[in-house]
């Protein structure tokens, strides 16, 4: 499980870091044995959180990171599409 956990976390951060820089994202994570994991990712303007990109809770940490990575991938596609529409139109 340790190797799988490392790989999933690495994959998550490989998707998160570029989007964090490009769209000014802020992440909050919380883990406990009782409740499992929680990941929140927000788009920010200055110090203000303006739009929730991801809000996940799951008993299994690996599943939580996998779902968050998938949500970030979808977010990246949507934002990229919006940028292309603005340029075209």
C-alpha atoms as a PDB file:
ATOM      1  CA  UNK A   1       0.000   0.000   0.000  1.00  0.00           C
ATOM      2  CA  UNK A   2       2.843   2.419   0.694  1.00  0.00           C
ATOM      3  CA  UNK A   3       4.050   2.293  -2.896  1.00  0.00           C
ATOM      4  CA  UNK A   4       0.524   2.692  -4.248  1.00  0.00           C
ATOM      5  CA  UNK A   5      -0.116   5.626  -1.890  1.00  0.00           C
ATOM      6  CA  UNK A   6       3.111   7.349  -2.984  1.00  0.00           C
ATOM      7  CA  UNK A   7       2.234   6.921  -6.658  1.00  0.00           C
ATOM      8  CA  UNK A   8      -1.303   8.251  -6.240  1.00  0.00           C
ATOM      9  CA  UNK A   9      -0.114  11.281  -4.234  1.00  0.00           C
ATOM     10  CA  UNK A  10       2.622  11.976  -6.811  1.00  0.00           C
ATOM     11  CA  UNK A  11       0.062  11.792  -9.641  1.00  0.00           C
ATOM     12  CA  UNK A  12      -2.257  14.155  -7.754  1.00  0.00           C
ATOM     13  CA  UNK A  13       0.452  16.771  -7.215  1.00  0.00           C
ATOM     14  CA  UNK A  14       1.647  16.485 -10.820  1.00  0.00           C
ATOM     15  CA  UNK A  15      -1.845  17.591 -11.856  1.00  0.00           C
ATOM     16  CA  UNK A  16      -2.348  20.097  -9.036  1.00  0.00           C
ATOM     17  CA  UNK A  17       0.898  22.131  -9.193  1.00  0.00           C
ATOM     18  CA  UNK A  18       0.622  23.451 -12.771  1.00  0.00           C
ATOM     19  CA  UNK A  19      -3.058  24.312 -12.266  1.00  0.00           C
ATOM     20  CA  UNK A  20      -2.242  25.924  -8.918  1.00  0.00           C
ATOM     21  CA  UNK A  21       0.169  28.329 -10.556  1.00  0.00           C
ATOM     22  CA  UNK A  22      -1.991  29.040 -13.593  1.00  0.00           C
ATOM     23  CA  UNK A  23      -5.337  29.552 -11.818  1.00  0.00           C
ATOM     24  CA  UNK A  24      -4.208  30.624  -8.331  1.00  0.00           C
ATOM     25  CA  UNK A  25      -5.571  27.556  -6.528  1.00  0.00           C
ATOM     26  CA  UNK A  26      -5.475  26.958  -2.788  1.00  0.00           C
ATOM     27  CA  UNK A  27      -5.807  23.527  -1.194  1.00  0.00           C
ATOM     28  CA  UNK A  28      -6.949  22.405   2.261  1.00  0.00           C
ATOM     29  CA  UNK A  29      -6.421  18.788   3.329  1.00  0.00           C
ATOM     30  CA  UNK A  30      -7.489  17.054   6.500  1.00  0.00           C
ATOM     31  CA  UNK A  31      -6.926  13.428   7.536  1.00  0.00           C
ATOM     32  CA  UNK A  32      -8.140  11.387  10.491  1.00  0.00           C
ATOM     33  CA  UNK A  33      -8.526   7.693  11.178  1.00  0.00           C
ATOM     34  CA  UNK A  34     -12.148   8.138  12.190  1.00  0.00           C
ATOM     35  CA  UNK A  35     -13.391  10.266   9.278  1.00  0.00           C
ATOM     36  CA  UNK A  36     -10.865   9.469   6.559  1.00  0.00           C
ATOM     37  CA  UNK A  37      -9.582  12.156   4.214  1.00  0.00           C
ATOM     38  CA  UNK A  38     -10.899  15.479   3.001  1.00  0.00           C
ATOM     39  CA  UNK A  39      -9.524  17.571   0.147  1.00  0.00           C
ATOM     40  CA  UNK A  40     -10.834  21.035  -0.742  1.00  0.00           C
ATOM     41  CA  UNK A  41      -9.411  23.043  -3.634  1.00  0.00           C
ATOM     42  CA  UNK A  42     -10.433  26.661  -4.217  1.00  0.00           C
ATOM     43  CA  UNK A  43      -9.796  29.180  -6.965  1.00  0.00           C
ATOM     44  CA  UNK A  44      -8.672  32.449  -5.355  1.00  0.00           C
ATOM     45  CA  UNK A  45      -8.469  36.138  -6.134  1.00  0.00           C
ATOM     46  CA  UNK A  46      -5.920  37.674  -3.813  1.00  0.00           C
ATOM     47  CA  UNK A  47      -6.630  36.253  -0.357  1.00  0.00           C
ATOM     48  CA  UNK A  48     -10.299  35.521  -1.109  1.00  0.00           C
ATOM     49  CA  UNK A  49     -11.544  32.068  -2.082  1.00  0.00           C
ATOM     50  CA  UNK A  50     -13.926  32.630  -4.990  1.00  0.00           C
ATOM     51  CA  UNK A  51     -14.879  29.253  -6.460  1.00  0.00           C
ATOM     52  CA  UNK A  52     -14.739  25.697  -5.120  1.00  0.00           C
ATOM     53  CA  UNK A  53     -12.994  23.421  -7.610  1.00  0.00           C
ATOM     54  CA  UNK A  54     -13.008  20.234  -5.534  1.00  0.00           C
ATOM     55  CA  UNK A  55     -14.611  19.226  -2.222  1.00  0.00           C
ATOM     56  CA  UNK A  56     -14.125  15.516  -1.464  1.00  0.00           C
ATOM     57  CA  UNK A  57     -14.402  13.308   1.583  1.00  0.00           C
ATOM     58  CA  UNK A  58     -13.584   9.602   1.547  1.00  0.00           C
ATOM     59  CA  UNK A  59     -12.719   6.976   4.156  1.00  0.00           C
ATOM     60  CA  UNK A  60      -9.800   5.747   2.037  1.00  0.00           C
ATOM     61  CA  UNK A  61      -6.984   8.250   1.458  1.00  0.00           C
ATOM     62  CA  UNK A  62      -5.903   6.657  -1.815  1.00  0.00           C
ATOM     63  CA  UNK A  63      -9.431   6.893  -3.209  1.00  0.00           C
ATOM     64  CA  UNK A  64      -9.675  10.503  -2.052  1.00  0.00           C
ATOM     65  CA  UNK A  65      -6.471  11.467  -3.914  1.00  0.00           C
ATOM     66  CA  UNK A  66      -7.572   9.560  -7.042  1.00  0.00           C
ATOM     67  CA  UNK A  67     -10.945  11.306  -7.147  1.00  0.00           C
ATOM     68  CA  UNK A  68      -9.318  14.698  -6.565  1.00  0.00           C
ATOM     69  CA  UNK A  69      -6.817  14.062  -9.384  1.00  0.00           C
ATOM     70  CA  UNK A  70      -9.707  13.206 -11.729  1.00  0.00           C
ATOM     71  CA  UNK A  71     -11.593  16.346 -10.721  1.00  0.00           C
ATOM     72  CA  UNK A  72      -8.481  18.457 -11.350  1.00  0.00           C
ATOM     73  CA  UNK A  73      -8.081  16.934 -14.788  1.00  0.00           C
ATOM     74  CA  UNK A  74     -11.682  17.823 -15.661  1.00  0.00           C
ATOM     75  CA  UNK A  75     -11.228  21.321 -14.198  1.00  0.00           C
ATOM     76  CA  UNK A  76      -8.133  21.835 -16.363  1.00  0.00           C
ATOM     77  CA  UNK A  77     -10.028  20.796 -19.504  1.00  0.00           C
ATOM     78  CA  UNK A  78     -12.939  23.109 -18.733  1.00  0.00           C
ATOM     79  CA  UNK A  79     -10.729  26.104 -17.971  1.00  0.00           C
ATOM     80  CA  UNK A  80      -8.643  25.491 -21.075  1.00  0.00           C
ATOM     81  CA  UNK A  81     -11.848  25.395 -23.150  1.00  0.00           C
ATOM     82  CA  UNK A  82     -13.031  28.681 -21.622  1.00  0.00           C
ATOM     83  CA  UNK A  83      -9.705  30.340 -22.456  1.00  0.00           C
ATOM     84  CA  UNK A  84      -9.917  29.157 -26.058  1.00  0.00           C
ATOM     85  CA  UNK A  85     -13.487  30.489 -26.356  1.00  0.00           C
ATOM     86  CA  UNK A  86     -12.379  33.893 -25.071  1.00  0.00           C
ATOM     87  CA  UNK A  87      -9.538  34.034 -27.593  1.00  0.00           C
ATOM     88  CA  UNK A  88     -11.829  33.012 -30.472  1.00  0.00           C
ATOM     89  CA  UNK A  89     -14.605  35.203 -29.653  1.00  0.00           C
END
